[in-house]
Amino acid sequence: MTKEEEPHLAAREMIERLEPSLSPWRRVRAVAALLAGLAGAVFVAALWGSEPGPLPGRTHLAFALFTVFCLAWAGYGGWLLTRRVPLFATDRVIAAWIGLAASVATTGVVAAVAAQRGTGLGLALGVGGLFVAVALVLAVRAHARRSALLRRMRELTGGEISGEER
């Protein structure tokens, strides 16, 4: 096929071919996030509700945080499954921020419990800091990937970006 015989694609069609709306692998990740989030929320809520006696305030806070993070992952999975447009790595940015928030909050709760008990604060901060650092690296990488994709889209479309793609 010569160059003259190749079909001419509009910029929008080229962009859609560069990053499909939801590849089979992303669909599997979305379903896994949705199911794991829902299962985690049900499990944590059942544990929380089945405690035989009154719980300390920090325990209520921990149960609430874990439930919220499980629901955030379920919401993320559901949102990802409903997308029918190229995401330009928005899904990666959102997942990275959920992971970073969960890492920071969990590290804070574990460190507070360790400090209150007077044992293992260094270990709690060390392990938690490692999780926060990994989550931060993933967030930076996700933002860089999104920026590169948006830059490439602007090159292909001549600078126009619709509101849905921002």
C-alpha atoms as a PDB file:
ATOM      1  CA  MET A   1       0.000   0.000   0.000  1.00  0.00           C
ATOM      2  CA  THR A   2       1.452   3.330  -1.002  1.00  0.00           C
ATOM      3  CA  LYS A   3       1.216   6.487   1.014  1.00  0.00           C
ATOM      4  CA  GLU A   4      -1.517   7.792  -1.273  1.00  0.00           C
ATOM      5  CA  GLU A   5      -3.604   4.647  -0.669  1.00  0.00           C
ATOM      6  CA  GLU A   6      -3.404   4.837   3.160  1.00  0.00           C
ATOM      7  CA  PRO A   7      -6.615   6.038   4.703  1.00  0.00           C
ATOM      8  CA  HIS A   8      -6.399   9.496   6.236  1.00  0.00           C
ATOM      9  CA  LEU A   9      -7.339   9.541   9.913  1.00  0.00           C
ATOM     10  CA  ALA A  10      -8.630  12.559  11.710  1.00  0.00           C
ATOM     11  CA  ALA A  11      -6.699  13.623  14.810  1.00  0.00           C
ATOM     12  CA  ARG A  12      -9.517  12.376  17.058  1.00  0.00           C
ATOM     13  CA  GLU A  13      -9.409   8.898  15.455  1.00  0.00           C
ATOM     14  CA  MET A  14      -5.627   8.782  15.858  1.00  0.00           C
ATOM     15  CA  ILE A  15      -5.949   9.654  19.539  1.00  0.00           C
ATOM     16  CA  GLU A  16      -8.575   6.973  20.095  1.00  0.00           C
ATOM     17  CA  ARG A  17      -6.242   4.427  18.502  1.00  0.00           C
ATOM     18  CA  LEU A  18      -3.328   5.562  20.687  1.00  0.00           C
ATOM     19  CA  GLU A  19      -5.169   4.858  23.912  1.00  0.00           C
ATOM     20  CA  PRO A  20      -8.378   2.824  23.747  1.00  0.00           C
ATOM     21  CA  SER A  21     -11.060   3.766  26.237  1.00  0.00           C
ATOM     22  CA  LEU A  22     -10.773   0.574  28.244  1.00  0.00           C
ATOM     23  CA  SER A  23      -8.394  -2.194  27.263  1.00  0.00           C
ATOM     24  CA  PRO A  24      -9.107  -5.727  28.492  1.00  0.00           C
ATOM     25  CA  TRP A  25      -6.309  -5.387  31.090  1.00  0.00           C
ATOM     26  CA  ARG A  26      -7.754  -2.111  32.415  1.00  0.00           C
ATOM     27  CA  ARG A  27     -11.208  -3.672  32.527  1.00  0.00           C
ATOM     28  CA  VAL A  28      -9.810  -6.518  34.677  1.00  0.00           C
ATOM     29  CA  ARG A  29      -8.115  -3.952  36.964  1.00  0.00           C
ATOM     30  CA  ALA A  30     -11.348  -1.983  37.220  1.00  0.00           C
ATOM     31  CA  VAL A  31     -13.405  -5.052  38.114  1.00  0.00           C
ATOM     32  CA  ALA A  32     -10.751  -6.130  40.637  1.00  0.00           C
ATOM     33  CA  ALA A  33     -10.741  -2.686  42.272  1.00  0.00           C
ATOM     34  CA  LEU A  34     -14.540  -2.615  42.383  1.00  0.00           C
ATOM     35  CA  LEU A  35     -14.897  -6.111  43.854  1.00  0.00           C
ATOM     36  CA  ALA A  36     -11.986  -5.782  46.289  1.00  0.00           C
ATOM     37  CA  GLY A  37     -13.266  -2.414  47.460  1.00  0.00           C
ATOM     38  CA  LEU A  38     -16.797  -3.677  48.000  1.00  0.00           C
ATOM     39  CA  ALA A  39     -15.623  -6.882  49.692  1.00  0.00           C
ATOM     40  CA  GLY A  40     -13.248  -4.927  51.918  1.00  0.00           C
ATOM     41  CA  ALA A  41     -15.929  -2.423  52.888  1.00  0.00           C
ATOM     42  CA  VAL A  42     -18.402  -5.199  53.734  1.00  0.00           C
ATOM     43  CA  PHE A  43     -15.773  -7.120  55.712  1.00  0.00           C
ATOM     44  CA  VAL A  44     -14.578  -4.085  57.693  1.00  0.00           C
ATOM     45  CA  ALA A  45     -18.130  -2.880  58.343  1.00  0.00           C
ATOM     46  CA  ALA A  46     -19.138  -6.378  59.509  1.00  0.00           C
ATOM     47  CA  LEU A  47     -16.134  -6.552  61.814  1.00  0.00           C
ATOM     48  CA  TRP A  48     -16.854  -3.062  63.124  1.00  0.00           C
ATOM     49  CA  GLY A  49     -20.524  -3.781  63.718  1.00  0.00           C
ATOM     50  CA  SER A  50     -19.968  -7.149  65.360  1.00  0.00           C
ATOM     51  CA  GLU A  51     -17.664  -5.940  68.144  1.00  0.00           C
ATOM     52  CA  PRO A  52     -19.196  -7.146  71.420  1.00  0.00           C
ATOM     53  CA  GLY A  53     -18.351  -4.123  73.540  1.00  0.00           C
ATOM     54  CA  PRO A  54     -17.649  -0.426  73.251  1.00  0.00           C
ATOM     55  CA  LEU A  55     -14.521   0.458  71.281  1.00  0.00           C
ATOM     56  CA  PRO A  56     -11.983   3.219  71.921  1.00  0.00           C
ATOM     57  CA  GLY A  57     -12.144   6.288  69.717  1.00  0.00           C
ATOM     58  CA  ARG A  58      -8.959   5.447  67.786  1.00  0.00           C
ATOM     59  CA  THR A  59     -10.418   2.032  66.900  1.00  0.00           C
ATOM     60  CA  HIS A  60     -13.573   3.687  65.545  1.00  0.00           C
ATOM     61  CA  LEU A  61     -11.339   6.039  63.558  1.00  0.00           C
ATOM     62  CA  ALA A  62      -9.337   3.138  62.125  1.00  0.00           C
ATOM     63  CA  PHE A  63     -12.472   1.208  61.131  1.00  0.00           C
ATOM     64  CA  ALA A  64     -13.940   4.341  59.551  1.00  0.00           C
ATOM     65  CA  LEU A  65     -10.745   5.066  57.598  1.00  0.00           C
ATOM     66  CA  PHE A  66     -10.477   1.514  56.295  1.00  0.00           C
ATOM     67  CA  THR A  67     -14.140   1.559  55.266  1.00  0.00           C
ATOM     68  CA  VAL A  68     -13.703   4.890  53.459  1.00  0.00           C
ATOM     69  CA  PHE A  69     -10.621   3.669  51.601  1.00  0.00           C
ATOM     70  CA  CYS A  70     -12.375   0.454  50.578  1.00  0.00           C
ATOM     71  CA  LEU A  71     -15.320   2.484  49.286  1.00  0.00           C
ATOM     72  CA  ALA A  72     -12.909   4.798  47.452  1.00  0.00           C
ATOM     73  CA  TRP A  73     -11.412   1.805  45.613  1.00  0.00           C
ATOM     74  CA  ALA A  74     -14.897   0.492  44.833  1.00  0.00           C
ATOM     75  CA  GLY A  75     -15.899   3.921  43.512  1.00  0.00           C
ATOM     76  CA  TYR A  76     -12.718   4.083  41.444  1.00  0.00           C
ATOM     77  CA  GLY A  77     -13.421   0.665  39.910  1.00  0.00           C
ATOM     78  CA  GLY A  78     -17.013   1.611  39.121  1.00  0.00           C
ATOM     79  CA  TRP A  79     -15.960   4.939  37.620  1.00  0.00           C
ATOM     80  CA  LEU A  80     -13.317   3.271  35.483  1.00  0.00           C
ATOM     81  CA  LEU A  81     -15.802   0.719  34.146  1.00  0.00           C
ATOM     82  CA  THR A  82     -18.180   3.468  33.014  1.00  0.00           C
ATOM     83  CA  ARG A  83     -15.602   5.416  30.965  1.00  0.00           C
ATOM     84  CA  ARG A  84     -16.093   5.222  27.220  1.00  0.00           C
ATOM     85  CA  VAL A  85     -13.571   7.881  26.212  1.00  0.00           C
ATOM     86  CA  PRO A  86      -9.763   7.821  26.221  1.00  0.00           C
ATOM     87  CA  LEU A  87      -8.678   8.514  29.794  1.00  0.00           C
ATOM     88  CA  PHE A  88      -5.184   9.877  29.065  1.00  0.00           C
ATOM     89  CA  ALA A  89      -3.887   8.199  32.254  1.00  0.00           C
ATOM     90  CA  THR A  90      -6.441   9.943  34.492  1.00  0.00           C
ATOM     91  CA  ASP A  91      -7.188   6.525  35.981  1.00  0.00           C
ATOM     92  CA  ARG A  92      -3.546   6.150  37.005  1.00  0.00           C
ATOM     93  CA  VAL A  93      -3.495   9.579  38.633  1.00  0.00           C
ATOM     94  CA  ILE A  94      -6.661   8.866  40.625  1.00  0.00           C
ATOM     95  CA  ALA A  95      -5.400   5.439  41.734  1.00  0.00           C
ATOM     96  CA  ALA A  96      -2.073   6.960  42.786  1.00  0.00           C
ATOM     97  CA  TRP A  97      -3.783   9.627  44.885  1.00  0.00           C
ATOM     98  CA  ILE A  98      -6.032   7.056  46.579  1.00  0.00           C
ATOM     99  CA  GLY A  99      -2.960   4.950  47.357  1.00  0.00           C
ATOM    100  CA  LEU A 100      -1.032   7.953  48.669  1.00  0.00           C
ATOM    101  CA  ALA A 101      -3.914   9.110  50.868  1.00  0.00           C
ATOM    102  CA  ALA A 102      -4.394   5.596  52.247  1.00  0.00           C
ATOM    103  CA  SER A 103      -0.661   5.249  52.946  1.00  0.00           C
ATOM    104  CA  VAL A 104      -0.418   8.585  54.746  1.00  0.00           C
ATOM    105  CA  ALA A 105      -3.574   8.032  56.809  1.00  0.00           C
ATOM    106  CA  THR A 106      -2.660   4.459  57.747  1.00  0.00           C
ATOM    107  CA  THR A 107       0.861   5.512  58.716  1.00  0.00           C
ATOM    108  CA  GLY A 108      -0.597   8.283  60.866  1.00  0.00           C
ATOM    109  CA  VAL A 109      -3.017   5.964  62.672  1.00  0.00           C
ATOM    110  CA  VAL A 110      -0.392   3.255  63.229  1.00  0.00           C
ATOM    111  CA  ALA A 111       2.151   5.816  64.452  1.00  0.00           C
ATOM    112  CA  ALA A 112      -0.406   7.355  66.831  1.00  0.00           C
ATOM    113  CA  VAL A 113      -1.250   3.945  68.283  1.00  0.00           C
ATOM    114  CA  ALA A 114       2.452   3.072  68.609  1.00  0.00           C
ATOM    115  CA  ALA A 115       3.208   6.388  70.308  1.00  0.00           C
ATOM    116  CA  GLN A 116       0.292   5.993  72.716  1.00  0.00           C
ATOM    117  CA  ARG A 117       1.444   2.504  73.659  1.00  0.00           C
ATOM    118  CA  GLY A 118       5.074   3.582  73.823  1.00  0.00           C
ATOM    119  CA  THR A 119       6.304   0.758  71.596  1.00  0.00           C
ATOM    120  CA  GLY A 120       7.572   0.509  68.038  1.00  0.00           C
ATOM    121  CA  LEU A 121       7.138   4.120  66.890  1.00  0.00           C
ATOM    122  CA  GLY A 122      10.345   3.957  64.826  1.00  0.00           C
ATOM    123  CA  LEU A 123       9.247   0.759  63.134  1.00  0.00           C
ATOM    124  CA  ALA A 124       5.773   2.162  62.436  1.00  0.00           C
ATOM    125  CA  LEU A 125       7.210   5.342  60.929  1.00  0.00           C
ATOM    126  CA  GLY A 126       9.855   3.427  58.962  1.00  0.00           C
ATOM    127  CA  VAL A 127       7.471   0.954  57.367  1.00  0.00           C
ATOM    128  CA  GLY A 128       4.787   3.592  56.877  1.00  0.00           C
ATOM    129  CA  GLY A 129       7.329   5.976  55.393  1.00  0.00           C
ATOM    130  CA  LEU A 130       8.355   3.310  52.910  1.00  0.00           C
ATOM    131  CA  PHE A 131       4.743   2.839  51.801  1.00  0.00           C
ATOM    132  CA  VAL A 132       4.249   6.605  51.533  1.00  0.00           C
ATOM    133  CA  ALA A 133       7.456   6.953  49.491  1.00  0.00           C
ATOM    134  CA  VAL A 134       6.401   4.221  47.042  1.00  0.00           C
ATOM    135  CA  ALA A 135       2.929   5.755  46.705  1.00  0.00           C
ATOM    136  CA  LEU A 136       4.484   9.175  46.101  1.00  0.00           C
ATOM    137  CA  VAL A 137       6.765   7.804  43.369  1.00  0.00           C
ATOM    138  CA  LEU A 138       3.755   6.169  41.703  1.00  0.00           C
ATOM    139  CA  ALA A 139       1.806   9.454  41.893  1.00  0.00           C
ATOM    140  CA  VAL A 140       4.673  11.382  40.283  1.00  0.00           C
ATOM    141  CA  ARG A 141       4.978   8.763  37.535  1.00  0.00           C
ATOM    142  CA  ALA A 142       1.216   8.838  36.909  1.00  0.00           C
ATOM    143  CA  HIS A 143       1.221  12.630  36.577  1.00  0.00           C
ATOM    144  CA  ALA A 144       4.216  12.480  34.225  1.00  0.00           C
ATOM    145  CA  ARG A 145       2.511   9.867  32.025  1.00  0.00           C
ATOM    146  CA  ARG A 146      -0.693  11.911  31.902  1.00  0.00           C
ATOM    147  CA  SER A 147       1.241  15.065  30.999  1.00  0.00           C
ATOM    148  CA  ALA A 148       3.061  13.245  28.188  1.00  0.00           C
ATOM    149  CA  LEU A 149      -0.203  11.898  26.774  1.00  0.00           C
ATOM    150  CA  LEU A 150      -1.904  15.294  26.935  1.00  0.00           C
ATOM    151  CA  ARG A 151       1.124  16.946  25.306  1.00  0.00           C
ATOM    152  CA  ARG A 152       0.981  14.381  22.481  1.00  0.00           C
ATOM    153  CA  MET A 153      -2.756  14.942  22.076  1.00  0.00           C
ATOM    154  CA  ARG A 154      -2.212  18.717  21.819  1.00  0.00           C
ATOM    155  CA  GLU A 155       0.409  18.069  19.133  1.00  0.00           C
ATOM    156  CA  LEU A 156      -2.043  15.922  17.175  1.00  0.00           C
ATOM    157  CA  THR A 157      -5.052  18.189  17.548  1.00  0.00           C
ATOM    158  CA  GLY A 158      -3.324  21.535  17.243  1.00  0.00           C
ATOM    159  CA  GLY A 159      -3.804  22.544  20.870  1.00  0.00           C
ATOM    160  CA  GLU A 160      -7.498  21.869  21.454  1.00  0.00           C
ATOM    161  CA  ILE A 161      -8.465  19.887  24.540  1.00  0.00           C
ATOM    162  CA  SER A 162     -12.077  19.252  25.399  1.00  0.00           C
ATOM    163  CA  GLY A 163     -13.293  19.627  28.998  1.00  0.00           C
ATOM    164  CA  GLU A 164     -13.742  15.867  29.413  1.00  0.00           C
ATOM    165  CA  GLU A 165     -10.085  15.174  28.627  1.00  0.00           C
ATOM    166  CA  ARG A 166      -8.624  17.683  31.095  1.00  0.00           C
END
